Amino acid sequence: MRAFHTLRTKNKLDFALVDFEIFTLILSVLEWQKHNGKIFLYTDTTGKNYLANAGLLNLWDGADTSLDEMDSLGIDENIFWAGAKLHALSKQPLPCVMIDLDFIVWQPLNFEQLDSKLAVIHRESCDLLCYPDENYFRFKNFSLPADLDWSVNPCNAALVYFGDKNFVRRYVEFAFEFMKAANPLPEQKGWDLLPYMVFVEQRWMAMCAELCNVEIKSLSHLTELFGGEQKTFTHIWGHKQLFRDNKSAEEKFCRDCAGRIAHDFPEVAEIFSQLALTKKYFAS
């Protein structure tokens, strides 16, 4: 199964990944290739150059810089920080899997057995504060369709399998209309803007599936993912702030990742033990 990662730097010349991000993406790529197939990277020129200089670009089965196009799409990426994922999705042959850089799949996934054209890692509750009702959103020359079902539970988009061309077209086209027209209130800042991004990526996905009569399958559940009841997936999302705040926790995580790379991929561990960004964690 073809998969793709997205790395958007917004062409910042000072862009850099931190250590835990580097080790997570390494394992995300290698474990997908080992168990499930090829995985490609969609990034911009700055991202490609950064990874090439770091010695990491050849991890993927190919790299595309079409995210340079984001600069001219009229989207506020400070609000829609995951908009680049949807732009990358519009470039994909189907079927494919969209997977976040902080998500690792440790085992084979059989998408043919799902009997569905859309699968997500898990559903979320529309009762969460980040999923307000339609009155929360403000736009310029745009209004939300009246036939949206606000009762359907959103889809977590850390990993999504897409197999329906018409669904993907409608999902992406509406998402970009929404992002271009978004006009938040001046007092909406920081976390108050989060509902805009999670609506267009996750809540709209569920609404769109209903409108297109596409069944959604869940590969897991929140209780399994965070309760230690499954061994197929690891999502680093909830630990990111911990690693940023606690250097010793980040270093332990990176050493554990280095050990896993050495165990699962001894043929490439020697390469990472020589790279400037990763070698100190292999030394121990």
Protein backbone atom coordinates (compact mmCIF):
# COMPACT_ATOMS: atom_id res chain seq x y z
CA MET A 1 0.00 0.00 0.00
CA ARG A 2 1.39 3.38 -1.03
CA ALA A 3 1.69 5.90 1.81
CA PHE A 4 2.87 9.47 2.07
CA HIS A 5 4.31 11.79 4.67
CA THR A 6 4.05 15.57 4.64
CA LEU A 7 6.71 17.98 5.90
CA ARG A 8 5.90 21.65 5.49
CA THR A 9 8.54 24.19 6.55
CA LYS A 10 6.85 27.26 5.03
CA ASN A 11 10.34 27.72 3.51
CA LYS A 12 11.79 29.05 6.76
CA LEU A 13 15.55 29.22 6.36
CA ASP A 14 16.03 28.46 10.07
CA PHE A 15 13.86 25.34 9.94
CA ALA A 16 15.10 22.35 11.95
CA LEU A 17 13.59 19.22 13.45
CA VAL A 18 14.31 18.40 17.07
CA ASP A 19 15.74 15.06 18.11
CA PHE A 20 12.53 13.23 19.03
CA GLU A 21 10.93 14.32 15.75
CA ILE A 22 13.86 12.93 13.78
CA PHE A 23 13.78 9.53 15.45
CA THR A 24 10.01 9.24 15.16
CA LEU A 25 10.00 9.95 11.44
CA ILE A 26 12.87 7.50 10.89
CA LEU A 27 10.90 4.69 12.53
CA SER A 28 7.69 5.78 10.82
CA VAL A 29 9.33 5.41 7.41
CA LEU A 30 11.32 2.23 8.06
CA GLU A 31 8.54 0.32 9.79
CA TRP A 32 6.02 1.20 7.06
CA GLN A 33 8.43 0.03 4.36
CA LYS A 34 9.12 -3.18 6.27
CA HIS A 35 5.47 -4.13 6.80
CA ASN A 36 3.30 -2.29 4.30
CA GLY A 37 5.05 -0.95 1.20
CA LYS A 38 6.44 2.24 -0.26
CA ILE A 39 6.18 5.63 1.39
CA PHE A 40 6.79 9.00 -0.25
CA LEU A 41 7.55 12.46 1.11
CA TYR A 42 5.76 15.65 0.12
CA THR A 43 7.63 18.74 1.25
CA ASP A 44 8.88 22.11 0.03
CA THR A 45 12.32 23.10 -1.23
CA THR A 46 13.59 24.10 2.20
CA GLY A 47 12.40 20.82 3.71
CA LYS A 48 14.03 18.77 0.98
CA ASN A 49 17.32 20.62 1.34
CA TYR A 50 17.27 20.27 5.12
CA LEU A 51 16.70 16.51 4.95
CA ALA A 52 19.31 16.09 2.22
CA ASN A 53 21.92 17.95 4.26
CA ALA A 54 20.98 15.89 7.32
CA GLY A 55 21.47 12.65 5.40
CA LEU A 56 17.81 11.64 5.83
CA LEU A 57 16.24 12.31 2.43
CA ASN A 58 16.94 8.85 1.02
CA LEU A 59 14.77 7.26 3.71
CA TRP A 60 11.68 7.73 1.56
CA ASP A 61 10.98 6.03 -1.76
CA GLY A 62 10.75 9.46 -3.38
CA ALA A 63 10.50 13.13 -2.46
CA ASP A 64 8.29 15.77 -4.04
CA THR A 65 8.55 19.55 -3.49
CA SER A 66 5.05 20.46 -4.64
CA LEU A 67 4.33 21.99 -1.22
CA ASP A 68 6.12 25.05 -2.59
CA GLU A 69 2.71 25.68 -4.19
CA MET A 70 1.25 26.39 -0.74
CA ASP A 71 2.86 29.82 -0.80
CA SER A 72 0.45 30.99 -3.50
CA LEU A 73 -2.80 29.34 -2.36
CA GLY A 74 -4.02 32.15 -0.10
CA ILE A 75 -4.23 30.06 3.08
CA ASP A 76 -3.17 31.24 6.53
CA GLU A 77 -0.92 28.37 7.59
CA ASN A 78 -0.67 29.73 11.11
CA ILE A 79 -4.30 28.63 11.44
CA PHE A 80 -4.32 25.75 8.96
CA TRP A 81 -1.01 24.17 9.86
CA ALA A 82 -2.11 20.81 8.44
CA GLY A 83 -3.41 22.27 5.20
CA ALA A 84 -0.31 21.01 3.42
CA LYS A 85 -1.43 17.43 4.12
CA LEU A 86 -4.61 18.02 2.15
CA HIS A 87 -2.67 19.61 -0.71
CA ALA A 88 -0.40 16.57 -0.78
CA LEU A 89 -3.46 14.30 -0.73
CA SER A 90 -4.74 15.99 -3.89
CA LYS A 91 -1.57 14.78 -5.66
CA GLN A 92 -1.93 11.11 -4.74
CA PRO A 93 -2.86 8.12 -6.89
CA LEU A 94 -5.41 6.00 -5.05
CA PRO A 95 -5.57 3.92 -2.99
CA CYS A 96 -3.13 5.47 -0.54
CA VAL A 97 -2.52 6.08 3.14
CA MET A 98 -1.90 9.53 4.61
CA ILE A 99 0.26 9.17 7.70
CA ASP A 100 1.69 11.75 10.10
CA LEU A 101 5.41 11.96 10.75
CA ASP A 102 4.79 11.19 14.44
CA PHE A 103 2.84 8.00 13.77
CA ILE A 104 4.45 4.54 13.61
CA VAL A 105 2.85 1.34 12.30
CA TRP A 106 4.60 -1.74 13.69
CA GLN A 107 2.71 -4.48 11.85
CA PRO A 108 1.14 -5.22 8.44
CA LEU A 109 -2.26 -3.69 7.72
CA ASN A 110 -4.64 -5.45 5.34
CA PHE A 111 -6.81 -2.73 3.84
CA GLU A 112 -8.50 -5.12 1.41
CA GLN A 113 -10.19 -6.87 4.34
CA LEU A 114 -11.76 -3.62 5.53
CA ASP A 115 -14.42 -3.70 2.80
CA SER A 116 -14.43 0.10 2.83
CA LYS A 117 -12.93 2.98 0.85
CA LEU A 118 -12.14 5.04 3.95
CA ALA A 119 -10.42 4.01 7.18
CA VAL A 120 -9.11 6.12 10.04
CA ILE A 121 -7.06 5.34 13.10
CA HIS A 122 -9.99 6.18 15.40
CA ARG A 123 -13.08 8.37 15.75
CA GLU A 124 -13.34 11.33 18.11
CA SER A 125 -16.29 12.73 20.06
CA CYS A 126 -18.00 15.79 18.63
CA ASP A 127 -18.62 16.83 22.24
CA LEU A 128 -14.98 17.88 22.66
CA LEU A 129 -14.40 21.62 23.06
CA CYS A 130 -12.35 21.73 19.86
CA TYR A 131 -15.50 20.78 17.90
CA PRO A 132 -17.91 23.71 18.42
CA ASP A 133 -21.11 24.18 16.43
CA GLU A 134 -21.38 26.03 13.13
CA ASN A 135 -21.97 29.41 14.78
CA TYR A 136 -18.36 29.48 15.95
CA PHE A 137 -16.89 29.97 12.47
CA ARG A 138 -16.51 33.23 10.56
CA PHE A 139 -15.89 33.58 6.82
CA LYS A 140 -15.43 36.02 3.98
CA ASN A 141 -18.01 35.49 1.20
CA PHE A 142 -18.67 31.89 2.21
CA SER A 143 -21.19 29.96 4.25
CA LEU A 144 -21.34 26.39 5.47
CA PRO A 145 -23.76 24.10 3.61
CA ALA A 146 -27.07 23.55 5.36
CA ASP A 147 -26.96 19.76 4.84
CA LEU A 148 -23.93 19.10 7.07
CA ASP A 149 -24.62 16.63 9.88
CA TRP A 150 -23.05 18.09 13.03
CA SER A 151 -23.84 14.98 15.06
CA VAL A 152 -21.36 12.63 13.32
CA ASN A 153 -18.18 11.90 15.23
CA PRO A 154 -15.01 13.37 13.65
CA CYS A 155 -12.18 11.25 12.30
CA ASN A 156 -8.68 11.40 13.72
CA ALA A 157 -6.42 12.03 10.74
CA ALA A 158 -3.06 10.77 12.05
CA LEU A 159 -3.48 7.83 9.67
CA VAL A 160 -6.14 7.66 6.97
CA TYR A 161 -6.70 5.17 4.16
CA PHE A 162 -8.31 6.66 1.05
CA GLY A 163 -9.73 4.51 -1.71
CA ASP A 164 -12.55 6.58 -3.24
CA LYS A 165 -11.61 9.18 -5.86
CA ASN A 166 -14.89 11.10 -5.72
CA PHE A 167 -14.72 11.33 -1.94
CA VAL A 168 -11.15 12.65 -1.98
CA ARG A 169 -12.02 15.23 -4.62
CA ARG A 170 -15.00 16.54 -2.65
CA TYR A 171 -13.14 16.40 0.67
CA VAL A 172 -10.15 18.38 -0.61
CA GLU A 173 -12.07 20.91 -2.73
CA PHE A 174 -14.38 21.93 0.11
CA ALA A 175 -11.48 22.00 2.56
CA PHE A 176 -9.63 24.55 0.45
CA GLU A 177 -12.75 26.66 -0.01
CA PHE A 178 -13.14 26.68 3.78
CA MET A 179 -9.49 27.54 4.46
CA LYS A 180 -9.36 30.35 1.93
CA ALA A 181 -12.57 31.94 3.22
CA ALA A 182 -11.89 31.58 6.95
CA ASN A 183 -11.99 34.92 8.76
CA PRO A 184 -11.72 34.34 12.53
CA LEU A 185 -12.72 37.01 15.00
CA PRO A 186 -9.82 39.24 16.15
CA GLU A 187 -10.09 37.91 19.71
CA GLN A 188 -9.71 34.32 18.52
CA LYS A 189 -6.07 33.47 19.08
CA GLY A 190 -3.97 30.44 19.94
CA TRP A 191 -6.11 27.47 20.95
CA ASP A 192 -9.24 29.43 20.01
CA LEU A 193 -8.20 28.90 16.38
CA LEU A 194 -7.80 25.12 16.74
CA PRO A 195 -11.46 24.41 15.84
CA TYR A 196 -10.85 25.81 12.36
CA MET A 197 -8.09 23.30 11.57
CA VAL A 198 -9.66 20.26 13.20
CA PHE A 199 -12.97 20.99 11.51
CA VAL A 200 -11.55 21.12 8.01
CA GLU A 201 -9.28 18.09 8.45
CA GLN A 202 -11.21 15.81 10.80
CA ARG A 203 -14.84 16.81 11.33
CA TRP A 204 -15.46 17.62 7.68
CA MET A 205 -13.97 14.22 6.76
CA ALA A 206 -16.76 12.47 8.64
CA MET A 207 -19.41 14.82 7.27
CA CYS A 208 -18.12 14.39 3.74
CA ALA A 209 -18.15 10.61 4.07
CA GLU A 210 -21.81 10.76 5.06
CA LEU A 211 -22.66 13.01 2.13
CA CYS A 212 -20.80 10.70 -0.27
CA ASN A 213 -22.29 7.55 1.27
CA VAL A 214 -18.81 6.23 2.10
CA GLU A 215 -18.54 3.99 5.15
CA ILE A 216 -15.79 4.84 7.65
CA LYS A 217 -13.88 2.01 9.31
CA SER A 218 -11.85 2.58 12.48
CA LEU A 219 -8.57 0.72 12.84
CA SER A 220 -8.43 1.25 16.60
CA HIS A 221 -10.03 3.08 19.51
CA LEU A 222 -8.75 5.69 21.92
CA THR A 223 -8.85 3.33 24.87
CA GLU A 224 -6.68 0.84 22.98
CA LEU A 225 -4.21 3.44 21.72
CA PHE A 226 -3.56 5.07 25.07
CA GLY A 227 -4.35 2.17 27.38
CA GLY A 228 -1.63 -0.21 26.23
CA GLU A 229 -4.13 -2.68 24.80
CA GLN A 230 -2.65 -2.84 21.30
CA LYS A 231 0.80 -3.25 19.76
CA THR A 232 0.18 -2.13 16.18
CA PHE A 233 0.40 1.67 16.42
CA THR A 234 2.35 4.34 18.26
CA HIS A 235 1.29 7.98 18.08
CA ILE A 236 3.72 10.44 19.69
CA TRP A 237 1.26 13.34 19.65
CA GLY A 238 0.44 13.33 23.36
CA HIS A 239 4.11 13.25 24.38
CA LYS A 240 5.41 16.11 22.23
CA GLN A 241 5.11 18.77 24.90
CA LEU A 242 6.66 16.45 27.48
CA PHE A 243 9.70 15.95 25.28
CA ARG A 244 10.00 19.69 24.63
CA ASP A 245 9.83 20.47 28.34
CA ASN A 246 11.88 17.57 29.66
CA LYS A 247 15.25 17.03 28.00
CA SER A 248 16.02 13.83 29.89
CA ALA A 249 12.70 12.29 28.77
CA GLU A 250 13.48 13.23 25.17
CA GLU A 251 16.97 11.73 25.38
CA LYS A 252 15.67 8.47 26.83
CA PHE A 253 13.05 8.27 24.08
CA CYS A 254 15.70 8.84 21.39
CA ARG A 255 17.99 6.19 22.90
CA ASP A 256 15.09 3.74 22.95
CA CYS A 257 14.37 4.55 19.30
CA ALA A 258 18.03 4.06 18.41
CA GLY A 259 17.90 0.66 20.08
CA ARG A 260 14.78 -0.28 18.15
CA ILE A 261 16.37 0.81 14.86
CA ALA A 262 19.48 -1.24 15.64
CA HIS A 263 17.29 -4.26 16.46
CA ASP A 264 14.86 -4.05 13.51
CA PHE A 265 17.17 -2.56 10.87
CA PRO A 266 20.79 -3.46 11.65
CA GLU A 267 21.70 -2.93 8.00
CA VAL A 268 20.94 0.80 8.25
CA ALA A 269 21.70 1.42 11.93
CA GLU A 270 25.37 1.87 11.06
CA ILE A 271 24.43 4.76 8.77
CA PHE A 272 22.49 6.55 11.51
CA SER A 273 25.30 5.95 13.99
CA GLN A 274 27.46 8.17 11.75
CA LEU A 275 25.01 11.01 11.06
CA ALA A 276 25.59 14.20 13.02
CA LEU A 277 21.94 14.48 14.14
CA THR A 278 21.58 10.92 15.42
CA LYS A 279 24.99 9.42 16.23
CA LYS A 280 25.14 10.35 19.92
CA TYR A 281 22.11 8.17 20.67
CA PHE A 282 23.68 5.13 19.03
CA ALA A 283 26.93 5.53 20.96
CA SER A 284 25.31 4.19 24.13
